[in-house]
C-alpha atoms as a PDB file:
ATOM      1  CA  UNK A   1      23.357  -8.560 -14.774  1.00  0.00           C
ATOM      2  CA  UNK A   2      20.689  -6.135 -13.653  1.00  0.00           C
ATOM      3  CA  UNK A   3      17.333  -7.316 -14.027  1.00  0.00           C
ATOM      4  CA  UNK A   4      14.229  -4.526 -14.225  1.00  0.00           C
ATOM      5  CA  UNK A   5      11.068  -5.374 -12.342  1.00  0.00           C
ATOM      6  CA  UNK A   6       8.051  -3.348 -12.723  1.00  0.00           C
ATOM      7  CA  UNK A   7       5.168  -2.864 -10.474  1.00  0.00           C
ATOM      8  CA  UNK A   8       2.152  -2.049 -12.573  1.00  0.00           C
ATOM      9  CA  UNK A   9      -1.469  -1.024 -11.320  1.00  0.00           C
ATOM     10  CA  UNK A  10      -3.878  -3.074 -12.818  1.00  0.00           C
ATOM     11  CA  UNK A  11      -7.172  -1.195 -12.005  1.00  0.00           C
ATOM     12  CA  UNK A  12      -8.176   1.792  -9.713  1.00  0.00           C
ATOM     13  CA  UNK A  13      -7.657   1.064  -6.029  1.00  0.00           C
ATOM     14  CA  UNK A  14     -10.460   0.887  -3.610  1.00  0.00           C
ATOM     15  CA  UNK A  15     -11.171   3.834  -1.394  1.00  0.00           C
ATOM     16  CA  UNK A  16     -11.263   3.437   2.228  1.00  0.00           C
ATOM     17  CA  UNK A  17     -13.931   5.521   3.865  1.00  0.00           C
ATOM     18  CA  UNK A  18     -16.925   4.607   6.076  1.00  0.00           C
ATOM     19  CA  UNK A  19     -20.400   4.255   4.347  1.00  0.00           C
ATOM     20  CA  UNK A  20     -23.152   6.252   5.958  1.00  0.00           C
ATOM     21  CA  UNK A  21     -25.490   3.748   4.552  1.00  0.00           C
ATOM     22  CA  UNK A  22     -24.174   0.126   5.239  1.00  0.00           C
ATOM     23  CA  UNK A  23     -20.856   0.964   7.672  1.00  0.00           C
ATOM     24  CA  UNK A  24     -18.846  -0.718   4.920  1.00  0.00           C
ATOM     25  CA  UNK A  25     -15.323   0.607   4.808  1.00  0.00           C
ATOM     26  CA  UNK A  26     -14.515   0.495   1.022  1.00  0.00           C
ATOM     27  CA  UNK A  27     -15.635   2.572  -2.008  1.00  0.00           C
ATOM     28  CA  UNK A  28     -14.954   1.764  -5.791  1.00  0.00           C
ATOM     29  CA  UNK A  29     -14.048   4.570  -8.045  1.00  0.00           C
ATOM     30  CA  UNK A  30     -15.335   4.057 -11.607  1.00  0.00           C
ATOM     31  CA  UNK A  31     -13.806   7.460 -13.115  1.00  0.00           C
ATOM     32  CA  UNK A  32     -17.107   9.699 -13.181  1.00  0.00           C
ATOM     33  CA  UNK A  33     -17.231  13.285 -12.033  1.00  0.00           C
ATOM     34  CA  UNK A  34     -19.912  15.549 -11.165  1.00  0.00           C
ATOM     35  CA  UNK A  35     -19.271  19.205 -12.327  1.00  0.00           C
ATOM     36  CA  UNK A  36     -21.686  21.854 -10.806  1.00  0.00           C
ATOM     37  CA  UNK A  37     -21.194  25.572 -11.942  1.00  0.00           C
ATOM     38  CA  UNK A  38     -22.641  28.407 -10.085  1.00  0.00           C
ATOM     39  CA  UNK A  39     -22.337  31.567 -12.232  1.00  0.00           C
ATOM     40  CA  UNK A  40     -18.494  32.000 -12.210  1.00  0.00           C
ATOM     41  CA  UNK A  41     -17.876  29.595  -9.600  1.00  0.00           C
ATOM     42  CA  UNK A  42     -17.372  25.802 -10.219  1.00  0.00           C
ATOM     43  CA  UNK A  43     -17.526  22.581  -7.741  1.00  0.00           C
ATOM     44  CA  UNK A  44     -15.991  19.341  -8.878  1.00  0.00           C
ATOM     45  CA  UNK A  45     -16.624  15.858  -7.156  1.00  0.00           C
ATOM     46  CA  UNK A  46     -14.986  12.424  -8.095  1.00  0.00           C
ATOM     47  CA  UNK A  47     -17.834   9.960  -7.357  1.00  0.00           C
ATOM     48  CA  UNK A  48     -17.490   6.674  -5.735  1.00  0.00           C
ATOM     49  CA  UNK A  49     -19.691   3.781  -5.146  1.00  0.00           C
ATOM     50  CA  UNK A  50     -19.729   1.748  -1.921  1.00  0.00           C
ATOM     51  CA  UNK A  51     -18.655  -1.843  -2.325  1.00  0.00           C
ATOM     52  CA  UNK A  52     -21.316  -3.151   0.247  1.00  0.00           C
ATOM     53  CA  UNK A  53     -24.699  -1.236  -0.678  1.00  0.00           C
ATOM     54  CA  UNK A  54     -23.759   0.473  -3.960  1.00  0.00           C
ATOM     55  CA  UNK A  55     -24.440   4.010  -2.366  1.00  0.00           C
ATOM     56  CA  UNK A  56     -22.855   6.965  -3.918  1.00  0.00           C
ATOM     57  CA  UNK A  57     -20.624   9.297  -2.001  1.00  0.00           C
ATOM     58  CA  UNK A  58     -18.523  12.341  -3.529  1.00  0.00           C
ATOM     59  CA  UNK A  59     -14.802  13.242  -3.078  1.00  0.00           C
ATOM     60  CA  UNK A  60     -14.227  16.837  -3.301  1.00  0.00           C
ATOM     61  CA  UNK A  61     -11.680  17.916  -6.370  1.00  0.00           C
ATOM     62  CA  UNK A  62     -12.394  21.574  -6.718  1.00  0.00           C
ATOM     63  CA  UNK A  63     -14.866  23.779  -4.229  1.00  0.00           C
ATOM     64  CA  UNK A  64     -16.009  27.305  -5.409  1.00  0.00           C
ATOM     65  CA  UNK A  65     -13.044  27.705  -7.634  1.00  0.00           C
ATOM     66  CA  UNK A  66     -13.214  30.449 -10.286  1.00  0.00           C
ATOM     67  CA  UNK A  67     -14.173  28.836 -13.720  1.00  0.00           C
ATOM     68  CA  UNK A  68     -11.661  30.993 -15.229  1.00  0.00           C
ATOM     69  CA  UNK A  69      -8.810  29.517 -12.938  1.00  0.00           C
ATOM     70  CA  UNK A  70      -9.400  26.006 -14.247  1.00  0.00           C
ATOM     71  CA  UNK A  71      -7.444  24.977 -17.351  1.00  0.00           C
ATOM     72  CA  UNK A  72      -9.568  24.347 -20.256  1.00  0.00           C
ATOM     73  CA  UNK A  73      -8.178  20.946 -20.876  1.00  0.00           C
ATOM     74  CA  UNK A  74      -8.736  19.748 -17.475  1.00  0.00           C
ATOM     75  CA  UNK A  75     -12.255  21.070 -17.657  1.00  0.00           C
ATOM     76  CA  UNK A  76     -12.729  18.955 -20.921  1.00  0.00           C
ATOM     77  CA  UNK A  77     -11.194  15.651 -18.875  1.00  0.00           C
ATOM     78  CA  UNK A  78     -13.594  16.412 -16.278  1.00  0.00           C
ATOM     79  CA  UNK A  79     -16.465  16.634 -18.681  1.00  0.00           C
ATOM     80  CA  UNK A  80     -15.497  13.426 -20.504  1.00  0.00           C
ATOM     81  CA  UNK A  81     -15.280  11.456 -17.427  1.00  0.00           C
ATOM     82  CA  UNK A  82     -11.414  10.620 -18.065  1.00  0.00           C
ATOM     83  CA  UNK A  83     -10.697   7.410 -15.919  1.00  0.00           C
ATOM     84  CA  UNK A  84      -6.740   8.303 -16.279  1.00  0.00           C
ATOM     85  CA  UNK A  85      -7.804  11.720 -14.498  1.00  0.00           C
ATOM     86  CA  UNK A  86      -9.601   9.731 -12.019  1.00  0.00           C
ATOM     87  CA  UNK A  87      -6.467   7.571 -11.375  1.00  0.00           C
ATOM     88  CA  UNK A  88      -4.398  10.819 -11.103  1.00  0.00           C
ATOM     89  CA  UNK A  89      -6.591  12.488  -8.653  1.00  0.00           C
ATOM     90  CA  UNK A  90      -6.705   9.325  -6.466  1.00  0.00           C
ATOM     91  CA  UNK A  91      -2.769   9.458  -6.081  1.00  0.00           C
ATOM     92  CA  UNK A  92      -2.655  13.236  -4.922  1.00  0.00           C
ATOM     93  CA  UNK A  93      -2.312  13.110  -1.134  1.00  0.00           C
ATOM     94  CA  UNK A  94      -3.708  16.624  -0.901  1.00  0.00           C
ATOM     95  CA  UNK A  95      -7.096  15.203  -2.250  1.00  0.00           C
ATOM     96  CA  UNK A  96      -6.828  12.501   0.082  1.00  0.00           C
ATOM     97  CA  UNK A  97      -6.033  14.362   3.235  1.00  0.00           C
ATOM     98  CA  UNK A  98      -8.848  17.034   2.274  1.00  0.00           C
ATOM     99  CA  UNK A  99     -11.483  14.135   1.894  1.00  0.00           C
ATOM    100  CA  UNK A 100      -9.981  12.074   4.785  1.00  0.00           C
ATOM    101  CA  UNK A 101      -9.650   9.091   2.689  1.00  0.00           C
ATOM    102  CA  UNK A 102      -7.059   6.474   2.232  1.00  0.00           C
ATOM    103  CA  UNK A 103      -6.413   3.995  -0.550  1.00  0.00           C
ATOM    104  CA  UNK A 104      -6.329   0.155  -0.671  1.00  0.00           C
ATOM    105  CA  UNK A 105      -4.060  -1.535  -3.238  1.00  0.00           C
ATOM    106  CA  UNK A 106      -4.932  -4.871  -2.401  1.00  0.00           C
ATOM    107  CA  UNK A 107      -5.345  -6.594  -5.682  1.00  0.00           C
ATOM    108  CA  UNK A 108      -5.109  -3.530  -7.825  1.00  0.00           C
ATOM    109  CA  UNK A 109      -1.417  -4.050  -8.959  1.00  0.00           C
ATOM    110  CA  UNK A 110       0.993  -6.730 -10.405  1.00  0.00           C
ATOM    111  CA  UNK A 111       4.618  -7.269 -10.630  1.00  0.00           C
ATOM    112  CA  UNK A 112       6.110  -7.710 -14.231  1.00  0.00           C
ATOM    113  CA  UNK A 113       9.413  -9.461 -13.623  1.00  0.00           C
ATOM    114  CA  UNK A 114      10.412  -9.965 -17.402  1.00  0.00           C
ATOM    115  CA  UNK A 115      10.670 -13.783 -17.330  1.00  0.00           C
ATOM    116  CA  UNK A 116      12.269 -16.543 -15.422  1.00  0.00           C
ATOM    117  CA  UNK A 117      15.803 -16.120 -16.299  1.00  0.00           C
ATOM    118  CA  UNK A 118      16.766 -14.688 -12.999  1.00  0.00           C
ATOM    119  CA  UNK A 119      15.743 -17.617 -10.798  1.00  0.00           C
ATOM    120  CA  UNK A 120      18.529 -19.846 -11.499  1.00  0.00           C
ATOM    121  CA  UNK A 121      21.474 -17.415 -11.129  1.00  0.00           C
ATOM    122  CA  UNK A 122      23.844 -17.621  -8.336  1.00  0.00           C
ATOM    123  CA  UNK A 123      23.772 -13.809  -7.892  1.00  0.00           C
ATOM    124  CA  UNK A 124      20.738 -11.477  -9.112  1.00  0.00           C
ATOM    125  CA  UNK A 125      20.941  -7.615  -9.231  1.00  0.00           C
ATOM    126  CA  UNK A 126      17.364  -6.239  -9.412  1.00  0.00           C
ATOM    127  CA  UNK A 127      16.024  -2.815 -10.059  1.00  0.00           C
ATOM    128  CA  UNK A 128      12.439  -2.364  -8.911  1.00  0.00           C
ATOM    129  CA  UNK A 129      10.537   0.499 -10.713  1.00  0.00           C
ATOM    130  CA  UNK A 130       7.048   1.842  -9.742  1.00  0.00           C
ATOM    131  CA  UNK A 131       4.680   2.816 -12.540  1.00  0.00           C
ATOM    132  CA  UNK A 132       2.336   4.269  -9.823  1.00  0.00           C
ATOM    133  CA  UNK A 133       2.794   5.076  -6.295  1.00  0.00           C
ATOM    134  CA  UNK A 134       1.672   1.448  -4.912  1.00  0.00           C
ATOM    135  CA  UNK A 135       2.530   1.051  -1.109  1.00  0.00           C
ATOM    136  CA  UNK A 136       3.782  -2.452  -0.923  1.00  0.00           C
ATOM    137  CA  UNK A 137       6.313  -4.304   1.088  1.00  0.00           C
ATOM    138  CA  UNK A 138       9.636  -5.036  -0.715  1.00  0.00           C
ATOM    139  CA  UNK A 139       9.815  -8.525   0.970  1.00  0.00           C
ATOM    140  CA  UNK A 140       6.425  -9.291  -0.676  1.00  0.00           C
ATOM    141  CA  UNK A 141       7.606  -8.220  -4.028  1.00  0.00           C
ATOM    142  CA  UNK A 142      10.917 -10.330  -3.864  1.00  0.00           C
ATOM    143  CA  UNK A 143       9.086 -13.518  -2.418  1.00  0.00           C
ATOM    144  CA  UNK A 144       6.545 -12.915  -5.471  1.00  0.00           C
ATOM    145  CA  UNK A 145       9.389 -12.342  -7.980  1.00  0.00           C
ATOM    146  CA  UNK A 146      11.445 -15.430  -6.952  1.00  0.00           C
ATOM    147  CA  UNK A 147       8.699 -17.622  -5.922  1.00  0.00           C
ATOM    148  CA  UNK A 148       9.758 -17.753  -2.299  1.00  0.00           C
ATOM    149  CA  UNK A 149       7.617 -17.195   0.761  1.00  0.00           C
ATOM    150  CA  UNK A 150       7.827 -14.023   2.881  1.00  0.00           C
ATOM    151  CA  UNK A 151       9.396 -16.199   5.632  1.00  0.00           C
ATOM    152  CA  UNK A 152      12.235 -17.420   3.418  1.00  0.00           C
ATOM    153  CA  UNK A 153      12.997 -13.800   2.219  1.00  0.00           C
ATOM    154  CA  UNK A 154      13.309 -13.013   5.767  1.00  0.00           C
ATOM    155  CA  UNK A 155      15.717 -15.667   6.479  1.00  0.00           C
ATOM    156  CA  UNK A 156      17.773 -14.511   3.132  1.00  0.00           C
ATOM    157  CA  UNK A 157      17.986 -10.922   4.829  1.00  0.00           C
ATOM    158  CA  UNK A 158      18.821 -12.291   8.022  1.00  0.00           C
ATOM    159  CA  UNK A 159      21.652 -14.599   6.766  1.00  0.00           C
ATOM    160  CA  UNK A 160      23.012 -11.413   4.616  1.00  0.00           C
ATOM    161  CA  UNK A 161      22.384 -12.909   1.203  1.00  0.00           C
ATOM    162  CA  UNK A 162      19.755 -10.267   0.304  1.00  0.00           C
ATOM    163  CA  UNK A 163      21.116  -6.372   0.884  1.00  0.00           C
ATOM    164  CA  UNK A 164      19.699  -3.315  -0.456  1.00  0.00           C
ATOM    165  CA  UNK A 165      19.920   0.497   0.674  1.00  0.00           C
ATOM    166  CA  UNK A 166      16.356   0.505   1.643  1.00  0.00           C
ATOM    167  CA  UNK A 167      14.561  -1.214   4.577  1.00  0.00           C
ATOM    168  CA  UNK A 168      12.914  -4.344   3.022  1.00  0.00           C
ATOM    169  CA  UNK A 169      10.503  -4.534   5.821  1.00  0.00           C
ATOM    170  CA  UNK A 170       8.725  -1.206   5.374  1.00  0.00           C
ATOM    171  CA  UNK A 171       6.496  -0.213   2.889  1.00  0.00           C
ATOM    172  CA  UNK A 172       7.821   1.727  -0.064  1.00  0.00           C
ATOM    173  CA  UNK A 173       5.844   3.150  -3.106  1.00  0.00           C
ATOM    174  CA  UNK A 174       9.333   4.413  -4.833  1.00  0.00           C
ATOM    175  CA  UNK A 175      12.115   2.823  -6.951  1.00  0.00           C
ATOM    176  CA  UNK A 176      14.541   0.571  -5.271  1.00  0.00           C
ATOM    177  CA  UNK A 177      17.462  -1.831  -6.173  1.00  0.00           C
ATOM    178  CA  UNK A 178      18.389  -5.203  -4.171  1.00  0.00           C
ATOM    179  CA  UNK A 179      21.004  -7.880  -4.548  1.00  0.00           C
ATOM    180  CA  UNK A 180      20.073 -11.573  -3.968  1.00  0.00           C
ATOM    181  CA  UNK A 181      23.063 -14.180  -3.551  1.00  0.00           C
ATOM    182  CA  UNK A 182      22.481 -17.627  -3.318  1.00  0.00           C
END
């Protein structure tokens, strides 16, 4: 029987960037935008707050874009400070590369296993789905889902009792399946 697990984000991830005021390395996105119009041109920034000193930094979303080129629905969401839009933009690799930032997902996700009925079976086929592209090691997910240590999961892999088509030791942010034999 195939069991479905889901990796769900619980909040916005922290933004890794150096603070110019206190030299902290983490910022918290609160979903606020700053929109600035210059006649027919528009600038948009996502505001992030330093976790150390509370100083505000701006992540560039749009720079000197023509107002008519921005979809009206997007412009409305920017003016309304839509937190779902902030989450979408933080996951955009182009925005992260342009602003030279990375995301810190520690404590910003949880694993839904659908109940403990898979724990006592001889063989478990599990499909893991990511609701958001959260980079996490499959070994950590398997250890959390089955209540094992990561070293115990490593032993199962070495013994051949845990198999998957993907490398279980590296970080993944896409769906995968695995089989555990006890």
